[in-house]
Amino acid sequence: MKNITFHINNEAYVLDIGEDKDDKLENGLKKFLKTDKNLETSELLLAYLRKTQELVKLENEIEIQLNKLPKI
């Protein structure tokens, strides 16, 4: 079990992110959200939008690659 603490609107939130042996989940969260400063609600929304954009781009890239596969 691994915990990460976020400070949002001057309140601390400790989140259990489960097992994260390679720190991939933690690093993914920290990519858009700082853990060493207080975050405002608008920063959370912006992080959510950035992560969503990242996932949409990945989905599009996967779809392009799947469409290149021979049809059976």
C-alpha atoms as a PDB file:
ATOM      1  CA  MET A   1       0.000   0.000   0.000  1.00  0.00           C
ATOM      2  CA  LYS A   2       1.248   3.460  -0.910  1.00  0.00           C
ATOM      3  CA  ASN A   3      -0.123   6.814   0.198  1.00  0.00           C
ATOM      4  CA  ILE A   4       0.143  10.210  -1.482  1.00  0.00           C
ATOM      5  CA  THR A   5      -0.873  13.437   0.220  1.00  0.00           C
ATOM      6  CA  PHE A   6      -2.409  16.301  -1.731  1.00  0.00           C
ATOM      7  CA  HIS A   7      -3.154  19.682  -0.201  1.00  0.00           C
ATOM      8  CA  ILE A   8      -6.323  21.032  -1.801  1.00  0.00           C
ATOM      9  CA  ASN A   9      -7.957  24.284  -0.758  1.00  0.00           C
ATOM     10  CA  ASN A  10      -5.829  24.248   2.410  1.00  0.00           C
ATOM     11  CA  GLU A  11      -6.909  20.737   3.455  1.00  0.00           C
ATOM     12  CA  ALA A  12      -4.741  17.627   3.363  1.00  0.00           C
ATOM     13  CA  TYR A  13      -6.063  14.550   1.563  1.00  0.00           C
ATOM     14  CA  VAL A  14      -4.169  11.280   1.961  1.00  0.00           C
ATOM     15  CA  LEU A  15      -4.929   8.870  -0.855  1.00  0.00           C
ATOM     16  CA  ASP A  16      -4.128   5.167  -0.837  1.00  0.00           C
ATOM     17  CA  ILE A  17      -3.033   4.369  -4.380  1.00  0.00           C
ATOM     18  CA  GLY A  18      -2.410   0.687  -3.668  1.00  0.00           C
ATOM     19  CA  GLU A  19       0.686  -1.084  -4.907  1.00  0.00           C
ATOM     20  CA  ASP A  20       2.887   1.045  -7.127  1.00  0.00           C
ATOM     21  CA  LYS A  21       6.186  -0.832  -7.330  1.00  0.00           C
ATOM     22  CA  ASP A  22       7.599   1.164 -10.245  1.00  0.00           C
ATOM     23  CA  ASP A  23       6.112   4.512  -9.074  1.00  0.00           C
ATOM     24  CA  LYS A  24       4.253   4.781 -12.398  1.00  0.00           C
ATOM     25  CA  LEU A  25       0.946   5.789 -10.849  1.00  0.00           C
ATOM     26  CA  GLU A  26       2.575   8.220  -8.431  1.00  0.00           C
ATOM     27  CA  ASN A  27       4.650   9.805 -11.200  1.00  0.00           C
ATOM     28  CA  GLY A  28       1.590   9.982 -13.435  1.00  0.00           C
ATOM     29  CA  LEU A  29      -0.312  11.856 -10.725  1.00  0.00           C
ATOM     30  CA  LYS A  30       2.613  14.166 -10.003  1.00  0.00           C
ATOM     31  CA  LYS A  31       2.944  14.976 -13.700  1.00  0.00           C
ATOM     32  CA  PHE A  32      -0.075  17.269 -13.447  1.00  0.00           C
ATOM     33  CA  LEU A  33      -0.576  17.721  -9.681  1.00  0.00           C
ATOM     34  CA  LYS A  34       2.018  19.035  -7.242  1.00  0.00           C
ATOM     35  CA  THR A  35       2.247  17.369  -3.850  1.00  0.00           C
ATOM     36  CA  ASP A  36       4.497  19.996  -2.279  1.00  0.00           C
ATOM     37  CA  LYS A  37       2.094  22.951  -2.419  1.00  0.00           C
ATOM     38  CA  ASN A  38      -1.544  23.830  -1.889  1.00  0.00           C
ATOM     39  CA  LEU A  39      -3.735  23.250  -4.944  1.00  0.00           C
ATOM     40  CA  GLU A  40      -6.826  25.193  -5.846  1.00  0.00           C
ATOM     41  CA  THR A  41      -9.925  23.616  -7.367  1.00  0.00           C
ATOM     42  CA  SER A  42      -9.141  25.214 -10.737  1.00  0.00           C
ATOM     43  CA  GLU A  43      -5.747  23.459 -10.755  1.00  0.00           C
ATOM     44  CA  LEU A  44      -7.466  20.111 -10.194  1.00  0.00           C
ATOM     45  CA  LEU A  45      -9.793  20.751 -13.115  1.00  0.00           C
ATOM     46  CA  LEU A  46      -6.881  21.747 -15.328  1.00  0.00           C
ATOM     47  CA  ALA A  47      -4.971  18.576 -14.379  1.00  0.00           C
ATOM     48  CA  TYR A  48      -8.066  16.487 -15.172  1.00  0.00           C
ATOM     49  CA  LEU A  49      -8.389  18.138 -18.588  1.00  0.00           C
ATOM     50  CA  ARG A  50      -4.699  17.654 -19.389  1.00  0.00           C
ATOM     51  CA  LYS A  51      -4.835  13.978 -18.433  1.00  0.00           C
ATOM     52  CA  THR A  52      -7.994  13.531 -20.505  1.00  0.00           C
ATOM     53  CA  GLN A  53      -6.253  15.117 -23.517  1.00  0.00           C
ATOM     54  CA  GLU A  54      -3.327  12.753 -23.014  1.00  0.00           C
ATOM     55  CA  LEU A  55      -5.644   9.721 -22.942  1.00  0.00           C
ATOM     56  CA  VAL A  56      -7.624  10.844 -26.008  1.00  0.00           C
ATOM     57  CA  LYS A  57      -4.358  11.231 -27.935  1.00  0.00           C
ATOM     58  CA  LEU A  58      -3.283   7.730 -26.858  1.00  0.00           C
ATOM     59  CA  GLU A  59      -6.656   6.260 -27.867  1.00  0.00           C
ATOM     60  CA  ASN A  60      -6.364   7.906 -31.299  1.00  0.00           C
ATOM     61  CA  GLU A  61      -2.845   6.531 -31.762  1.00  0.00           C
ATOM     62  CA  ILE A  62      -4.018   3.026 -30.813  1.00  0.00           C
ATOM     63  CA  GLU A  63      -6.944   3.261 -33.226  1.00  0.00           C
ATOM     64  CA  ILE A  64      -4.618   4.316 -36.048  1.00  0.00           C
ATOM     65  CA  GLN A  65      -2.340   1.348 -35.368  1.00  0.00           C
ATOM     66  CA  LEU A  66      -5.278  -1.067 -35.167  1.00  0.00           C
ATOM     67  CA  ASN A  67      -6.586   0.184 -38.506  1.00  0.00           C
ATOM     68  CA  LYS A  68      -3.210  -0.622 -40.070  1.00  0.00           C
ATOM     69  CA  LEU A  69      -3.556  -4.304 -39.138  1.00  0.00           C
ATOM     70  CA  PRO A  70      -4.650  -6.659 -41.914  1.00  0.00           C
ATOM     71  CA  LYS A  71      -8.364  -7.382 -41.988  1.00  0.00           C
ATOM     72  CA  ILE A  72      -9.312 -10.987 -41.299  1.00  0.00           C
END
